[in-house]
Amino acid sequence: MYTRIEQAYEPMSASDFAAYGMQQIAYVKPVDAEGKPAFAVHAADGTPLTTLPDREVAYAVVRQNDLEPVSTH
């Protein structure tokens, strides 16, 4: 039998949504840097942090900064 459960919540503001995960997540995506393949690291709000030549290095740098790397494409 289906029971409907209603939860009270407040919608997130645009700035709260943009900051969601800022202290936990960094996004890693493949990019082209000066004609060579590279991997860009971005904060959860999309702010570019760095570009590195190798995916494994990018993941290591993210983890060294106590963040969880997440791939994007």
C-alpha atoms as a PDB file:
ATOM      1  CA  MET A   1       0.000   0.000   0.000  1.00  0.00           C
ATOM      2  CA  TYR A   2       1.248   3.469  -0.888  1.00  0.00           C
ATOM      3  CA  THR A   3       1.498   5.945   1.976  1.00  0.00           C
ATOM      4  CA  ARG A   4       2.086   9.560   1.120  1.00  0.00           C
ATOM      5  CA  ILE A   5       4.675  11.246   3.280  1.00  0.00           C
ATOM      6  CA  GLU A   6       4.919  14.991   3.089  1.00  0.00           C
ATOM      7  CA  GLN A   7       8.085  16.727   4.123  1.00  0.00           C
ATOM      8  CA  ALA A   8       8.349  20.376   4.906  1.00  0.00           C
ATOM      9  CA  TYR A   9      11.327  22.002   3.241  1.00  0.00           C
ATOM     10  CA  GLU A  10      12.443  25.401   2.168  1.00  0.00           C
ATOM     11  CA  PRO A  11      13.678  25.902  -1.385  1.00  0.00           C
ATOM     12  CA  MET A  12      17.380  26.629  -1.700  1.00  0.00           C
ATOM     13  CA  SER A  13      18.400  30.077  -2.836  1.00  0.00           C
ATOM     14  CA  ALA A  14      20.502  30.346  -5.990  1.00  0.00           C
ATOM     15  CA  SER A  15      23.594  31.201  -3.934  1.00  0.00           C
ATOM     16  CA  ASP A  16      22.997  28.287  -1.528  1.00  0.00           C
ATOM     17  CA  PHE A  17      22.587  25.917  -4.466  1.00  0.00           C
ATOM     18  CA  ALA A  18      25.786  27.229  -6.098  1.00  0.00           C
ATOM     19  CA  ALA A  19      27.704  26.677  -2.851  1.00  0.00           C
ATOM     20  CA  TYR A  20      26.322  23.163  -2.303  1.00  0.00           C
ATOM     21  CA  GLY A  21      29.215  20.725  -2.003  1.00  0.00           C
ATOM     22  CA  MET A  22      31.907  23.415  -2.000  1.00  0.00           C
ATOM     23  CA  GLN A  23      33.696  21.809   0.943  1.00  0.00           C
ATOM     24  CA  GLN A  24      33.364  18.241  -0.358  1.00  0.00           C
ATOM     25  CA  ILE A  25      33.487  18.040  -4.162  1.00  0.00           C
ATOM     26  CA  ALA A  26      35.764  19.099  -7.025  1.00  0.00           C
ATOM     27  CA  TYR A  27      34.878  18.387 -10.638  1.00  0.00           C
ATOM     28  CA  VAL A  28      37.495  17.036 -13.052  1.00  0.00           C
ATOM     29  CA  LYS A  29      36.890  17.235 -16.787  1.00  0.00           C
ATOM     30  CA  PRO A  30      38.960  16.661 -19.898  1.00  0.00           C
ATOM     31  CA  VAL A  31      39.920  19.831 -21.755  1.00  0.00           C
ATOM     32  CA  ASP A  32      42.242  20.992 -24.521  1.00  0.00           C
ATOM     33  CA  ALA A  33      45.053  23.166 -23.151  1.00  0.00           C
ATOM     34  CA  GLU A  34      47.152  24.839 -25.837  1.00  0.00           C
ATOM     35  CA  GLY A  35      46.490  21.996 -28.265  1.00  0.00           C
ATOM     36  CA  LYS A  36      47.269  19.239 -25.752  1.00  0.00           C
ATOM     37  CA  PRO A  37      44.866  17.061 -23.745  1.00  0.00           C
ATOM     38  CA  ALA A  38      44.620  18.063 -20.087  1.00  0.00           C
ATOM     39  CA  PHE A  39      42.238  17.884 -17.134  1.00  0.00           C
ATOM     40  CA  ALA A  40      40.623  20.939 -15.580  1.00  0.00           C
ATOM     41  CA  VAL A  41      39.657  20.963 -11.906  1.00  0.00           C
ATOM     42  CA  HIS A  42      36.672  23.093 -10.892  1.00  0.00           C
ATOM     43  CA  ALA A  43      35.110  23.884  -7.519  1.00  0.00           C
ATOM     44  CA  ALA A  44      31.528  22.751  -6.930  1.00  0.00           C
ATOM     45  CA  ASP A  45      30.265  26.197  -7.989  1.00  0.00           C
ATOM     46  CA  GLY A  46      32.144  25.964 -11.308  1.00  0.00           C
ATOM     47  CA  THR A  47      35.088  28.170 -10.369  1.00  0.00           C
ATOM     48  CA  PRO A  48      38.196  26.966 -12.272  1.00  0.00           C
ATOM     49  CA  LEU A  49      40.921  25.887  -9.852  1.00  0.00           C
ATOM     50  CA  THR A  50      43.693  24.399 -11.980  1.00  0.00           C
ATOM     51  CA  THR A  51      44.532  22.473 -15.137  1.00  0.00           C
ATOM     52  CA  LEU A  52      46.761  19.410 -14.988  1.00  0.00           C
ATOM     53  CA  PRO A  53      48.223  17.211 -17.744  1.00  0.00           C
ATOM     54  CA  ASP A  54      47.017  13.861 -16.359  1.00  0.00           C
ATOM     55  CA  ARG A  55      43.706  12.573 -14.920  1.00  0.00           C
ATOM     56  CA  GLU A  56      45.385  10.579 -12.148  1.00  0.00           C
ATOM     57  CA  VAL A  57      47.411  13.616 -11.082  1.00  0.00           C
ATOM     58  CA  ALA A  58      44.255  15.747 -11.076  1.00  0.00           C
ATOM     59  CA  TYR A  59      42.474  13.195  -8.854  1.00  0.00           C
ATOM     60  CA  ALA A  60      45.486  13.015  -6.514  1.00  0.00           C
ATOM     61  CA  VAL A  61      45.625  16.814  -6.181  1.00  0.00           C
ATOM     62  CA  VAL A  62      41.896  16.958  -5.432  1.00  0.00           C
ATOM     63  CA  ARG A  63      42.195  14.248  -2.765  1.00  0.00           C
ATOM     64  CA  GLN A  64      45.271  15.921  -1.235  1.00  0.00           C
ATOM     65  CA  ASN A  65      43.024  18.922  -0.653  1.00  0.00           C
ATOM     66  CA  ASP A  66      40.448  16.801   1.204  1.00  0.00           C
ATOM     67  CA  LEU A  67      37.899  16.904  -1.608  1.00  0.00           C
ATOM     68  CA  GLU A  68      36.198  14.104  -3.512  1.00  0.00           C
ATOM     69  CA  PRO A  69      36.891  14.176  -7.257  1.00  0.00           C
ATOM     70  CA  VAL A  70      33.915  13.785  -9.601  1.00  0.00           C
ATOM     71  CA  SER A  71      34.301  13.296 -13.363  1.00  0.00           C
ATOM     72  CA  THR A  72      32.325  15.394 -15.806  1.00  0.00           C
ATOM     73  CA  HIS A  73      32.130  15.188 -19.569  1.00  0.00           C
END
